[in-house]
């Protein structure tokens, strides 16, 4: 997608057998994700978000596996989402007095994938994530940590694929009834490449 600042791929039909797998590598910074028959469903068939406009896709066929294939059927970029009616919401007023945060336990809920809507996420001690109740996730949304600064033109960039964790939609519990009643908790699936959980790697707030 020439000129895109970030990109995600969606996997349609596939057969990866017992030991075959897929690697996705950003052409821009060589960030890599590994996916197989077990981890593709955990991310609802969406890849990680990668910086740049191109991703190299490699299919590795395992010994004894036959009929192996993967279909990439669509993609997301911030530019595509904007064309589909997305917009940038400003909450800072005329004076943006925010400062960068570097707490490893605080992440960004990326709803809509690369360049979608964002909410702040806190890892809490029961193994869940706490965020606002109006940040309703959909299939393929994730929480990311170590997010890099946005570009000078305001375009956001994704974190490393190794720091992205798919949201487990089956665990979402929320209330979205205005100020004071706007909360959500949910669990995260493990990272598809490292198999580590966010809580074990990032830490969490004790409540």
N, C-alpha and C. Protein backbone atom coordinates (compact mmCIF):
# COMPACT_ATOMS: atom_id res chain seq x y z
N UNK A 1 0.86 -1.17 0.00
CA UNK A 1 0.00 0.00 0.00
C UNK A 1 0.90 1.23 0.00
N UNK A 2 1.33 1.69 -1.18
CA UNK A 2 2.34 2.76 -1.26
C UNK A 2 1.98 3.99 -0.45
N UNK A 3 2.91 4.43 0.39
CA UNK A 3 2.72 5.63 1.17
C UNK A 3 2.07 5.42 2.52
N UNK A 4 1.60 4.21 2.82
CA UNK A 4 0.95 3.96 4.12
C UNK A 4 1.98 4.04 5.25
N UNK A 5 1.56 4.56 6.40
CA UNK A 5 2.46 4.67 7.55
C UNK A 5 2.53 3.37 8.35
N UNK A 6 1.48 2.55 8.25
CA UNK A 6 1.44 1.27 8.95
C UNK A 6 0.48 0.35 8.20
N UNK A 7 0.60 -0.95 8.45
CA UNK A 7 -0.19 -1.91 7.68
C UNK A 7 -0.45 -3.17 8.50
N UNK A 8 -1.65 -3.74 8.32
CA UNK A 8 -2.00 -5.05 8.89
C UNK A 8 -2.59 -5.91 7.78
N UNK A 9 -2.38 -7.20 7.86
CA UNK A 9 -2.91 -8.13 6.89
C UNK A 9 -3.94 -9.05 7.54
N UNK A 10 -4.96 -9.44 6.77
CA UNK A 10 -5.97 -10.38 7.26
C UNK A 10 -5.83 -11.69 6.50
N UNK A 11 -5.85 -12.77 7.24
CA UNK A 11 -5.72 -14.10 6.65
C UNK A 11 -7.11 -14.69 6.46
N UNK A 12 -7.42 -15.04 5.23
CA UNK A 12 -8.70 -15.67 4.92
C UNK A 12 -8.59 -17.17 5.15
N UNK A 13 -8.72 -17.95 4.11
CA UNK A 13 -8.61 -19.40 4.21
C UNK A 13 -7.15 -19.79 4.33
N UNK A 14 -6.88 -20.89 5.02
CA UNK A 14 -5.50 -21.36 5.15
C UNK A 14 -5.45 -22.81 5.58
N UNK A 15 -4.33 -23.46 5.33
CA UNK A 15 -4.03 -24.79 5.84
C UNK A 15 -2.55 -24.81 6.16
N UNK A 16 -2.23 -24.86 7.45
CA UNK A 16 -0.84 -24.88 7.88
C UNK A 16 -0.44 -26.20 8.51
N UNK A 17 -1.31 -27.23 8.38
CA UNK A 17 -0.95 -28.56 8.83
C UNK A 17 -0.52 -28.61 10.28
N UNK A 18 0.48 -29.48 10.54
CA UNK A 18 0.95 -29.69 11.91
C UNK A 18 2.14 -28.81 12.28
N UNK A 19 3.02 -28.53 11.32
CA UNK A 19 4.24 -27.81 11.68
C UNK A 19 4.60 -26.68 10.72
N UNK A 20 3.77 -26.39 9.74
CA UNK A 20 4.05 -25.27 8.84
C UNK A 20 3.70 -23.96 9.53
N UNK A 21 4.28 -22.88 9.05
CA UNK A 21 4.02 -21.58 9.67
C UNK A 21 4.29 -20.46 8.67
N UNK A 22 3.89 -19.28 9.07
CA UNK A 22 3.97 -18.08 8.26
C UNK A 22 4.82 -17.07 9.00
N UNK A 23 5.73 -16.36 8.30
CA UNK A 23 6.42 -15.22 8.90
C UNK A 23 6.08 -13.97 8.11
N UNK A 24 5.82 -12.90 8.84
CA UNK A 24 5.52 -11.60 8.25
C UNK A 24 6.60 -10.63 8.72
N UNK A 25 7.22 -9.92 7.80
CA UNK A 25 8.34 -9.05 8.14
C UNK A 25 8.13 -7.68 7.51
N UNK A 26 8.21 -6.63 8.33
CA UNK A 26 8.09 -5.27 7.83
C UNK A 26 9.30 -4.93 6.97
N UNK A 27 9.05 -4.41 5.77
CA UNK A 27 10.14 -3.98 4.91
C UNK A 27 10.82 -2.74 5.49
N UNK A 28 10.07 -1.94 6.25
CA UNK A 28 10.60 -0.69 6.79
C UNK A 28 11.63 -0.90 7.90
N UNK A 29 11.33 -1.77 8.86
CA UNK A 29 12.22 -1.91 10.01
C UNK A 29 12.55 -3.35 10.38
N UNK A 30 12.12 -4.31 9.55
CA UNK A 30 12.41 -5.73 9.73
C UNK A 30 11.77 -6.33 10.99
N UNK A 31 10.77 -5.66 11.55
CA UNK A 31 10.02 -6.26 12.66
C UNK A 31 9.30 -7.50 12.12
N UNK A 32 9.26 -8.57 12.91
CA UNK A 32 8.77 -9.84 12.41
C UNK A 32 7.70 -10.45 13.32
N UNK A 33 6.74 -11.16 12.71
CA UNK A 33 5.74 -11.92 13.43
C UNK A 33 5.69 -13.33 12.86
N UNK A 34 5.51 -14.31 13.74
CA UNK A 34 5.35 -15.70 13.32
C UNK A 34 3.93 -16.14 13.64
N UNK A 35 3.28 -16.79 12.68
CA UNK A 35 1.91 -17.29 12.86
C UNK A 35 1.83 -18.74 12.41
N UNK A 36 1.03 -19.54 13.13
CA UNK A 36 0.80 -20.92 12.71
C UNK A 36 -0.67 -21.27 12.93
N UNK A 37 -1.01 -22.52 12.76
CA UNK A 37 -2.41 -22.94 12.84
C UNK A 37 -3.01 -22.71 14.22
N UNK A 38 -2.18 -22.65 15.25
CA UNK A 38 -2.68 -22.44 16.61
C UNK A 38 -2.82 -20.95 16.94
N UNK A 39 -1.92 -20.12 16.41
CA UNK A 39 -1.91 -18.71 16.81
C UNK A 39 -2.76 -17.82 15.91
N UNK A 40 -3.02 -18.24 14.67
CA UNK A 40 -3.87 -17.42 13.80
C UNK A 40 -5.25 -17.20 14.42
N UNK A 41 -5.94 -18.25 14.94
CA UNK A 41 -7.25 -18.01 15.56
C UNK A 41 -7.18 -17.10 16.78
N UNK A 42 -6.06 -17.11 17.52
CA UNK A 42 -5.97 -16.30 18.74
C UNK A 42 -5.93 -14.81 18.43
N UNK A 43 -5.57 -14.45 17.20
CA UNK A 43 -5.57 -13.04 16.80
C UNK A 43 -6.70 -12.75 15.81
N UNK A 44 -7.68 -13.67 15.76
CA UNK A 44 -8.86 -13.51 14.91
C UNK A 44 -8.47 -13.27 13.45
N UNK A 45 -7.41 -13.98 13.03
CA UNK A 45 -6.93 -14.00 11.64
C UNK A 45 -6.28 -12.69 11.19
N UNK A 46 -6.03 -11.76 12.11
CA UNK A 46 -5.33 -10.52 11.76
C UNK A 46 -3.86 -10.62 12.14
N UNK A 47 -3.00 -10.07 11.30
CA UNK A 47 -1.59 -9.98 11.65
C UNK A 47 -1.39 -8.86 12.67
N UNK A 48 -0.18 -8.77 13.17
CA UNK A 48 0.21 -7.60 13.95
C UNK A 48 0.19 -6.38 13.04
N UNK A 49 0.27 -5.20 13.64
CA UNK A 49 0.42 -3.96 12.87
C UNK A 49 1.91 -3.71 12.67
N UNK A 50 2.28 -3.40 11.44
CA UNK A 50 3.68 -3.17 11.10
C UNK A 50 3.89 -1.74 10.64
N UNK A 51 5.02 -1.15 11.00
CA UNK A 51 5.39 0.17 10.50
C UNK A 51 5.73 0.07 9.01
N UNK A 52 5.29 1.06 8.23
CA UNK A 52 5.62 1.09 6.81
C UNK A 52 4.49 0.62 5.93
N UNK A 53 4.73 0.63 4.63
CA UNK A 53 3.67 0.33 3.67
C UNK A 53 3.78 -1.05 3.03
N UNK A 54 4.79 -1.85 3.44
CA UNK A 54 4.99 -3.16 2.82
C UNK A 54 5.37 -4.21 3.85
N UNK A 55 4.86 -5.42 3.64
CA UNK A 55 5.18 -6.56 4.51
C UNK A 55 5.57 -7.73 3.62
N UNK A 56 6.69 -8.35 3.94
CA UNK A 56 7.11 -9.55 3.22
C UNK A 56 6.49 -10.77 3.89
N UNK A 57 5.82 -11.61 3.10
CA UNK A 57 5.14 -12.79 3.61
C UNK A 57 5.89 -14.03 3.15
N UNK A 58 6.29 -14.88 4.09
CA UNK A 58 6.98 -16.12 3.76
C UNK A 58 6.21 -17.30 4.35
N UNK A 59 6.01 -18.32 3.53
CA UNK A 59 5.33 -19.54 3.95
C UNK A 59 6.37 -20.64 4.11
N UNK A 60 6.46 -21.18 5.32
CA UNK A 60 7.42 -22.24 5.64
C UNK A 60 6.66 -23.55 5.77
N UNK A 61 6.94 -24.51 4.88
CA UNK A 61 6.23 -25.78 4.86
C UNK A 61 6.98 -26.81 5.69
N UNK A 62 6.31 -27.35 6.70
CA UNK A 62 6.94 -28.30 7.59
C UNK A 62 7.05 -29.68 6.98
N UNK A 63 7.98 -30.50 7.47
CA UNK A 63 8.16 -31.87 6.96
C UNK A 63 6.87 -32.69 7.09
N UNK A 64 6.46 -33.31 6.00
CA UNK A 64 5.29 -34.17 6.03
C UNK A 64 3.97 -33.46 5.82
N UNK A 65 3.95 -32.12 5.90
CA UNK A 65 2.72 -31.38 5.66
C UNK A 65 2.45 -31.28 4.16
N UNK A 66 1.19 -31.45 3.76
CA UNK A 66 0.82 -31.36 2.35
C UNK A 66 -0.38 -30.42 2.19
N UNK A 67 -0.55 -29.88 0.99
CA UNK A 67 -1.67 -28.99 0.71
C UNK A 67 -1.60 -27.69 1.49
N UNK A 68 -0.40 -27.23 1.78
CA UNK A 68 -0.21 -26.05 2.62
C UNK A 68 -0.42 -24.77 1.81
N UNK A 69 -1.21 -23.85 2.34
CA UNK A 69 -1.42 -22.57 1.66
C UNK A 69 -1.95 -21.54 2.66
N UNK A 70 -1.83 -20.28 2.31
CA UNK A 70 -2.38 -19.16 3.09
C UNK A 70 -2.93 -18.14 2.12
N UNK A 71 -4.13 -17.64 2.38
CA UNK A 71 -4.75 -16.61 1.57
C UNK A 71 -4.79 -15.30 2.35
N UNK A 72 -4.12 -14.27 1.83
CA UNK A 72 -4.21 -12.92 2.40
C UNK A 72 -5.33 -12.21 1.64
N UNK A 73 -6.44 -11.91 2.32
CA UNK A 73 -7.61 -11.42 1.58
C UNK A 73 -7.90 -9.93 1.75
N UNK A 74 -7.29 -9.26 2.74
CA UNK A 74 -7.49 -7.82 2.88
C UNK A 74 -6.44 -7.24 3.80
N UNK A 75 -6.41 -5.91 3.86
CA UNK A 75 -5.45 -5.23 4.72
C UNK A 75 -6.08 -3.98 5.31
N UNK A 76 -5.40 -3.47 6.34
CA UNK A 76 -5.80 -2.21 6.97
C UNK A 76 -4.60 -1.29 7.01
N UNK A 77 -4.84 -0.01 6.75
CA UNK A 77 -3.83 1.02 6.96
C UNK A 77 -4.55 2.23 7.54
N UNK A 78 -3.82 3.15 8.20
CA UNK A 78 -4.48 4.37 8.69
C UNK A 78 -5.15 5.14 7.57
N UNK A 79 -4.54 5.13 6.41
CA UNK A 79 -5.08 5.88 5.29
C UNK A 79 -6.38 5.26 4.79
N UNK A 80 -6.46 3.94 4.74
CA UNK A 80 -7.69 3.26 4.32
C UNK A 80 -8.80 3.54 5.33
N UNK A 81 -8.49 3.47 6.62
CA UNK A 81 -9.51 3.72 7.64
C UNK A 81 -10.03 5.15 7.55
N UNK A 82 -9.14 6.08 7.26
CA UNK A 82 -9.57 7.48 7.12
C UNK A 82 -10.52 7.63 5.93
N UNK A 83 -10.23 6.95 4.82
CA UNK A 83 -11.09 7.00 3.64
C UNK A 83 -12.46 6.40 3.93
N UNK A 84 -12.50 5.45 4.88
CA UNK A 84 -13.76 4.78 5.22
C UNK A 84 -14.56 5.57 6.26
N UNK A 85 -14.11 6.78 6.58
CA UNK A 85 -14.89 7.63 7.48
C UNK A 85 -14.28 7.84 8.84
N UNK A 86 -13.07 7.32 9.06
CA UNK A 86 -12.43 7.54 10.35
C UNK A 86 -11.96 8.97 10.48
N UNK A 87 -11.75 9.42 11.70
CA UNK A 87 -11.30 10.78 11.92
C UNK A 87 -10.44 10.83 13.18
N UNK A 88 -9.73 11.92 13.36
CA UNK A 88 -8.89 12.11 14.53
C UNK A 88 -9.66 12.91 15.56
N UNK A 89 -9.81 12.38 16.76
CA UNK A 89 -10.53 13.09 17.82
C UNK A 89 -9.51 13.80 18.71
N UNK A 90 -9.77 15.05 19.02
CA UNK A 90 -8.87 15.83 19.86
C UNK A 90 -9.50 16.03 21.24
N UNK A 91 -8.73 15.73 22.29
CA UNK A 91 -9.23 15.92 23.65
C UNK A 91 -8.38 16.93 24.41
N UNK A 92 -7.44 17.55 23.72
CA UNK A 92 -6.45 18.39 24.41
C UNK A 92 -6.79 19.86 24.40
N UNK A 93 -7.79 20.27 23.63
CA UNK A 93 -8.09 21.68 23.53
C UNK A 93 -7.01 22.42 22.75
N UNK A 94 -6.87 23.71 23.01
CA UNK A 94 -5.89 24.51 22.28
C UNK A 94 -4.48 24.34 22.82
N UNK A 95 -4.35 23.82 24.04
CA UNK A 95 -3.03 23.67 24.66
C UNK A 95 -2.82 22.21 25.05
N UNK A 96 -2.00 21.51 24.30
CA UNK A 96 -1.71 20.10 24.58
C UNK A 96 -0.59 20.04 25.62
N UNK A 97 -0.97 19.80 26.88
CA UNK A 97 0.03 19.79 27.95
C UNK A 97 0.39 18.36 28.39
N UNK A 98 0.09 17.38 27.53
CA UNK A 98 0.46 16.01 27.87
C UNK A 98 1.97 15.83 27.84
N UNK A 99 2.46 14.84 28.60
CA UNK A 99 3.87 14.47 28.57
C UNK A 99 3.96 12.97 28.31
N UNK A 100 5.05 12.50 27.71
CA UNK A 100 5.18 11.07 27.41
C UNK A 100 5.16 10.22 28.67
N UNK A 101 4.59 9.04 28.56
CA UNK A 101 4.56 8.07 29.66
C UNK A 101 5.39 6.86 29.26
N UNK A 102 6.18 6.37 30.20
CA UNK A 102 7.05 5.24 29.91
C UNK A 102 6.81 4.07 30.86
N UNK A 103 5.65 4.03 31.50
CA UNK A 103 5.32 2.93 32.40
C UNK A 103 5.01 1.69 31.58
N UNK A 104 5.77 0.61 31.79
CA UNK A 104 5.61 -0.59 30.97
C UNK A 104 4.27 -1.28 31.19
N UNK A 105 3.57 -0.93 32.27
CA UNK A 105 2.27 -1.57 32.57
C UNK A 105 1.10 -0.88 31.90
N UNK A 106 1.36 0.24 31.23
CA UNK A 106 0.31 1.01 30.55
C UNK A 106 0.48 0.85 29.05
N UNK A 107 -0.61 0.49 28.38
CA UNK A 107 -0.55 0.27 26.94
C UNK A 107 -1.65 1.01 26.20
N UNK A 108 -1.75 0.71 24.92
CA UNK A 108 -2.74 1.34 24.06
C UNK A 108 -3.65 0.27 23.47
N UNK A 109 -4.95 0.43 23.67
CA UNK A 109 -5.92 -0.44 23.02
C UNK A 109 -6.06 0.07 21.59
N UNK A 110 -5.74 -0.77 20.64
CA UNK A 110 -5.85 -0.39 19.23
C UNK A 110 -7.09 -1.05 18.65
N UNK A 111 -8.16 -0.28 18.61
CA UNK A 111 -9.43 -0.75 18.06
C UNK A 111 -9.49 -0.36 16.60
N UNK A 112 -9.68 -1.34 15.73
CA UNK A 112 -9.71 -1.07 14.31
C UNK A 112 -8.37 -1.27 13.64
N UNK A 113 -7.38 -1.75 14.42
CA UNK A 113 -6.09 -2.06 13.82
C UNK A 113 -5.23 -0.85 13.59
N UNK A 114 -4.35 -0.95 12.61
CA UNK A 114 -3.41 0.13 12.34
C UNK A 114 -4.16 1.42 12.05
N UNK A 115 -3.92 2.43 12.90
CA UNK A 115 -4.52 3.73 12.66
C UNK A 115 -5.97 3.85 13.06
N UNK A 116 -6.46 2.95 13.87
CA UNK A 116 -7.86 3.01 14.28
C UNK A 116 -8.05 3.89 15.51
N UNK A 117 -9.10 3.61 16.30
CA UNK A 117 -9.37 4.38 17.51
C UNK A 117 -8.52 3.82 18.65
N UNK A 118 -8.14 4.68 19.59
CA UNK A 118 -7.27 4.25 20.67
C UNK A 118 -7.86 4.58 22.03
N UNK A 119 -7.56 3.72 23.00
CA UNK A 119 -7.87 3.96 24.40
C UNK A 119 -6.66 3.53 25.22
N UNK A 120 -6.56 4.05 26.45
CA UNK A 120 -5.48 3.67 27.34
C UNK A 120 -5.85 2.39 28.07
N UNK A 121 -4.86 1.51 28.26
CA UNK A 121 -5.08 0.23 28.93
C UNK A 121 -4.12 0.07 30.10
N UNK A 122 -4.62 -0.46 31.20
CA UNK A 122 -3.79 -0.73 32.37
C UNK A 122 -3.83 -2.22 32.67
N UNK A 123 -2.65 -2.83 32.83
CA UNK A 123 -2.58 -4.23 33.25
C UNK A 123 -2.78 -4.30 34.75
N UNK A 124 -3.76 -5.10 35.18
CA UNK A 124 -4.08 -5.18 36.61
C UNK A 124 -3.83 -6.59 37.13
N UNK A 125 -3.83 -6.72 38.45
CA UNK A 125 -3.24 -7.89 39.09
C UNK A 125 -4.02 -9.19 38.94
N UNK A 126 -5.25 -9.16 38.46
CA UNK A 126 -5.98 -10.42 38.30
C UNK A 126 -5.78 -11.03 36.92
N UNK A 127 -4.80 -10.52 36.17
CA UNK A 127 -4.53 -11.05 34.84
C UNK A 127 -5.36 -10.41 33.76
N UNK A 128 -6.07 -9.34 34.10
CA UNK A 128 -6.94 -8.67 33.13
C UNK A 128 -6.38 -7.30 32.74
N UNK A 129 -7.09 -6.67 31.83
CA UNK A 129 -6.78 -5.31 31.39
C UNK A 129 -7.96 -4.42 31.76
N UNK A 130 -7.68 -3.23 32.24
CA UNK A 130 -8.71 -2.26 32.59
C UNK A 130 -8.66 -1.10 31.61
N UNK A 131 -9.82 -0.70 31.08
CA UNK A 131 -9.90 0.44 30.18
C UNK A 131 -11.30 1.04 30.27
N UNK A 132 -11.60 1.98 29.38
CA UNK A 132 -12.91 2.64 29.39
C UNK A 132 -13.97 1.74 28.76
N UNK A 133 -15.19 1.84 29.28
CA UNK A 133 -16.27 0.97 28.84
C UNK A 133 -16.76 1.26 27.43
N UNK A 134 -16.48 2.45 26.91
CA UNK A 134 -16.96 2.79 25.57
C UNK A 134 -15.98 2.36 24.47
N UNK A 135 -14.85 1.79 24.87
CA UNK A 135 -13.83 1.35 23.89
C UNK A 135 -14.11 -0.09 23.46
N UNK A 136 -15.23 -0.32 22.82
CA UNK A 136 -15.68 -1.67 22.51
C UNK A 136 -14.75 -2.32 21.48
N UNK A 137 -14.09 -3.43 21.84
CA UNK A 137 -13.19 -4.09 20.88
C UNK A 137 -13.96 -4.98 19.91
N UNK A 138 -13.36 -5.20 18.76
CA UNK A 138 -13.89 -6.13 17.77
C UNK A 138 -12.81 -7.14 17.43
N UNK A 139 -13.16 -8.13 16.64
CA UNK A 139 -12.22 -9.20 16.29
C UNK A 139 -10.97 -8.63 15.64
N UNK A 140 -9.83 -8.99 16.17
CA UNK A 140 -8.56 -8.53 15.64
C UNK A 140 -7.96 -7.37 16.38
N UNK A 141 -8.69 -6.75 17.31
CA UNK A 141 -8.14 -5.64 18.08
C UNK A 141 -7.12 -6.17 19.10
N UNK A 142 -6.22 -5.31 19.51
CA UNK A 142 -5.13 -5.75 20.38
C UNK A 142 -4.71 -4.63 21.31
N UNK A 143 -3.91 -5.00 22.30
CA UNK A 143 -3.29 -4.02 23.20
C UNK A 143 -1.79 -4.06 22.93
N UNK A 144 -1.18 -2.88 22.82
CA UNK A 144 0.25 -2.80 22.50
C UNK A 144 0.98 -1.96 23.54
N UNK A 145 2.25 -2.30 23.74
CA UNK A 145 3.08 -1.63 24.75
C UNK A 145 4.37 -1.14 24.09
N UNK A 146 4.97 -0.10 24.70
CA UNK A 146 6.18 0.46 24.12
C UNK A 146 5.88 1.15 22.80
N UNK A 147 4.77 1.86 22.74
CA UNK A 147 4.33 2.51 21.51
C UNK A 147 5.27 3.68 21.17
N UNK A 148 5.76 3.75 19.93
CA UNK A 148 6.66 4.85 19.57
C UNK A 148 5.91 6.16 19.40
N UNK A 149 6.61 7.28 19.45
CA UNK A 149 5.95 8.58 19.22
C UNK A 149 5.32 8.64 17.83
N UNK A 150 4.27 9.43 17.71
CA UNK A 150 3.63 9.63 16.41
C UNK A 150 4.55 10.44 15.50
N UNK A 151 4.26 10.38 14.20
CA UNK A 151 5.01 11.19 13.25
C UNK A 151 4.65 12.66 13.43
N UNK A 152 5.44 13.53 12.84
CA UNK A 152 5.22 14.97 12.99
C UNK A 152 3.87 15.41 12.46
N UNK A 153 3.31 14.67 11.49
CA UNK A 153 2.00 15.02 10.93
C UNK A 153 0.84 14.43 11.72
N UNK A 154 1.15 13.80 12.88
CA UNK A 154 0.09 13.26 13.73
C UNK A 154 -0.26 11.81 13.47
N UNK A 155 0.33 11.18 12.45
CA UNK A 155 0.05 9.78 12.15
C UNK A 155 0.69 8.90 13.21
N UNK A 156 -0.10 8.01 13.81
CA UNK A 156 0.39 7.12 14.85
C UNK A 156 1.12 5.93 14.26
N UNK A 157 2.09 5.40 14.99
CA UNK A 157 2.83 4.21 14.59
C UNK A 157 2.58 3.08 15.57
N UNK A 158 2.59 1.84 15.11
CA UNK A 158 2.38 0.72 16.01
C UNK A 158 3.64 0.36 16.79
N UNK A 159 3.45 -0.33 17.89
CA UNK A 159 4.57 -0.89 18.65
C UNK A 159 5.14 -2.09 17.89
N UNK A 160 6.25 -2.60 18.38
CA UNK A 160 6.82 -3.81 17.79
C UNK A 160 5.79 -4.94 17.82
N UNK A 161 5.73 -5.79 16.79
CA UNK A 161 4.83 -6.95 16.83
C UNK A 161 5.06 -7.84 18.05
N UNK A 162 6.25 -7.80 18.63
CA UNK A 162 6.55 -8.60 19.82
C UNK A 162 5.88 -8.04 21.06
N UNK A 163 5.37 -6.81 20.98
CA UNK A 163 4.70 -6.17 22.12
C UNK A 163 3.22 -5.94 21.85
N UNK A 164 2.63 -6.72 20.96
CA UNK A 164 1.20 -6.64 20.65
C UNK A 164 0.52 -7.93 21.12
N UNK A 165 -0.62 -7.77 21.80
CA UNK A 165 -1.32 -8.91 22.39
C UNK A 165 -2.80 -8.86 21.98
N UNK A 166 -3.30 -9.88 21.29
CA UNK A 166 -4.70 -9.89 20.86
C UNK A 166 -5.67 -9.88 22.05
N UNK A 167 -6.75 -9.12 21.91
CA UNK A 167 -7.81 -9.11 22.93
C UNK A 167 -8.65 -10.36 22.79
N UNK A 168 -8.91 -11.02 23.92
CA UNK A 168 -9.79 -12.19 23.94
C UNK A 168 -11.22 -11.71 24.10
N UNK A 169 -11.98 -11.70 23.00
CA UNK A 169 -13.33 -11.13 23.02
C UNK A 169 -14.28 -11.88 23.95
N UNK A 170 -14.00 -13.15 24.20
CA UNK A 170 -14.89 -13.93 25.06
C UNK A 170 -14.83 -13.49 26.51
N UNK A 171 -13.84 -12.67 26.88
CA UNK A 171 -13.67 -12.29 28.28
C UNK A 171 -14.12 -10.86 28.58
N UNK A 172 -14.63 -10.14 27.58
CA UNK A 172 -14.97 -8.73 27.76
C UNK A 172 -16.18 -8.56 28.68
N UNK A 173 -16.01 -7.72 29.72
CA UNK A 173 -17.11 -7.32 30.60
C UNK A 173 -17.03 -5.81 30.72
N UNK A 174 -18.15 -5.10 30.49
CA UNK A 174 -18.06 -3.64 30.53
C UNK A 174 -19.37 -3.00 30.94
N UNK A 175 -19.27 -1.72 31.28
CA UNK A 175 -20.43 -0.86 31.53
C UNK A 175 -20.16 0.46 30.83
N UNK A 176 -21.10 0.91 30.02
CA UNK A 176 -20.93 2.13 29.25
C UNK A 176 -22.17 2.99 29.45
N UNK A 177 -22.21 3.65 30.63
CA UNK A 177 -23.40 4.40 31.01
C UNK A 177 -23.04 5.82 31.47
N UNK A 178 -22.00 6.39 30.90
CA UNK A 178 -21.66 7.77 31.23
C UNK A 178 -20.60 7.88 32.31
N UNK A 179 -20.34 9.12 32.73
CA UNK A 179 -19.28 9.41 33.69
C UNK A 179 -19.51 8.64 34.99
N UNK A 180 -18.45 7.98 35.45
CA UNK A 180 -18.53 7.20 36.68
C UNK A 180 -19.02 5.78 36.47
N UNK A 181 -19.53 5.48 35.29
CA UNK A 181 -20.01 4.13 34.97
C UNK A 181 -19.52 3.74 33.57
N UNK A 182 -18.25 3.98 33.34
CA UNK A 182 -17.64 3.77 32.02
C UNK A 182 -16.36 2.97 32.21
N UNK A 183 -16.49 1.64 32.27
CA UNK A 183 -15.33 0.79 32.55
C UNK A 183 -15.42 -0.50 31.76
N UNK A 184 -14.28 -1.14 31.60
CA UNK A 184 -14.22 -2.43 30.92
C UNK A 184 -13.03 -3.22 31.42
N UNK A 185 -13.19 -4.52 31.53
CA UNK A 185 -12.08 -5.43 31.79
C UNK A 185 -12.14 -6.56 30.77
N UNK A 186 -10.96 -7.06 30.40
CA UNK A 186 -10.90 -8.20 29.49
C UNK A 186 -9.54 -8.86 29.61
N UNK A 187 -9.42 -10.05 29.08
CA UNK A 187 -8.16 -10.77 29.05
C UNK A 187 -7.47 -10.61 27.71
N UNK A 188 -6.19 -10.95 27.69
CA UNK A 188 -5.40 -10.90 26.47
C UNK A 188 -4.88 -12.29 26.13
N UNK A 189 -4.83 -12.60 24.83
CA UNK A 189 -4.16 -13.81 24.40
C UNK A 189 -2.66 -13.55 24.37
N UNK A 190 -1.88 -14.61 24.38
CA UNK A 190 -0.42 -14.48 24.36
C UNK A 190 0.04 -13.92 23.02
N UNK A 191 1.21 -13.33 23.01
CA UNK A 191 1.80 -12.86 21.76
C UNK A 191 2.02 -14.05 20.84
N UNK A 192 1.70 -13.89 19.56
CA UNK A 192 1.73 -15.03 18.64
C UNK A 192 3.13 -15.49 18.27
N UNK A 193 4.13 -14.65 18.48
CA UNK A 193 5.50 -15.02 18.13
C UNK A 193 6.29 -15.50 19.33
N UNK A 194 6.18 -14.78 20.46
CA UNK A 194 6.96 -15.13 21.65
C UNK A 194 6.22 -16.09 22.58
N UNK A 195 4.90 -16.15 22.44
CA UNK A 195 4.01 -16.96 23.31
C UNK A 195 3.99 -16.46 24.74
N UNK A 196 4.57 -15.31 25.00
CA UNK A 196 4.56 -14.77 26.36
C UNK A 196 3.29 -13.96 26.58
N UNK A 197 2.90 -13.81 27.85
CA UNK A 197 1.73 -13.01 28.18
C UNK A 197 2.17 -11.60 28.56
N UNK A 198 1.27 -10.65 28.39
CA UNK A 198 1.59 -9.26 28.70
C UNK A 198 1.96 -9.10 30.18
N UNK A 199 1.22 -9.75 31.06
CA UNK A 199 1.44 -9.58 32.49
C UNK A 199 2.83 -10.09 32.91
N UNK A 200 3.25 -11.20 32.32
CA UNK A 200 4.56 -11.75 32.69
C UNK A 200 5.70 -10.88 32.18
N UNK A 201 5.49 -10.20 31.07
CA UNK A 201 6.58 -9.43 30.47
C UNK A 201 6.53 -7.96 30.86
N UNK A 202 5.33 -7.38 30.95
CA UNK A 202 5.19 -5.94 31.19
C UNK A 202 5.04 -5.59 32.66
N UNK A 203 4.60 -6.56 33.48
CA UNK A 203 4.24 -6.26 34.86
C UNK A 203 2.80 -5.82 34.94
N UNK A 204 2.34 -5.42 36.14
CA UNK A 204 0.94 -5.04 36.31
C UNK A 204 0.77 -4.21 37.59
N UNK A 205 -0.37 -3.51 37.65
CA UNK A 205 -0.71 -2.74 38.85
C UNK A 205 -1.40 -3.65 39.85
N UNK A 206 -0.98 -3.59 41.10
CA UNK A 206 -1.63 -4.38 42.16
C UNK A 206 -2.82 -3.59 42.70
N UNK A 207 -3.99 -4.23 42.70
CA UNK A 207 -5.21 -3.55 43.12
C UNK A 207 -5.85 -4.32 44.28
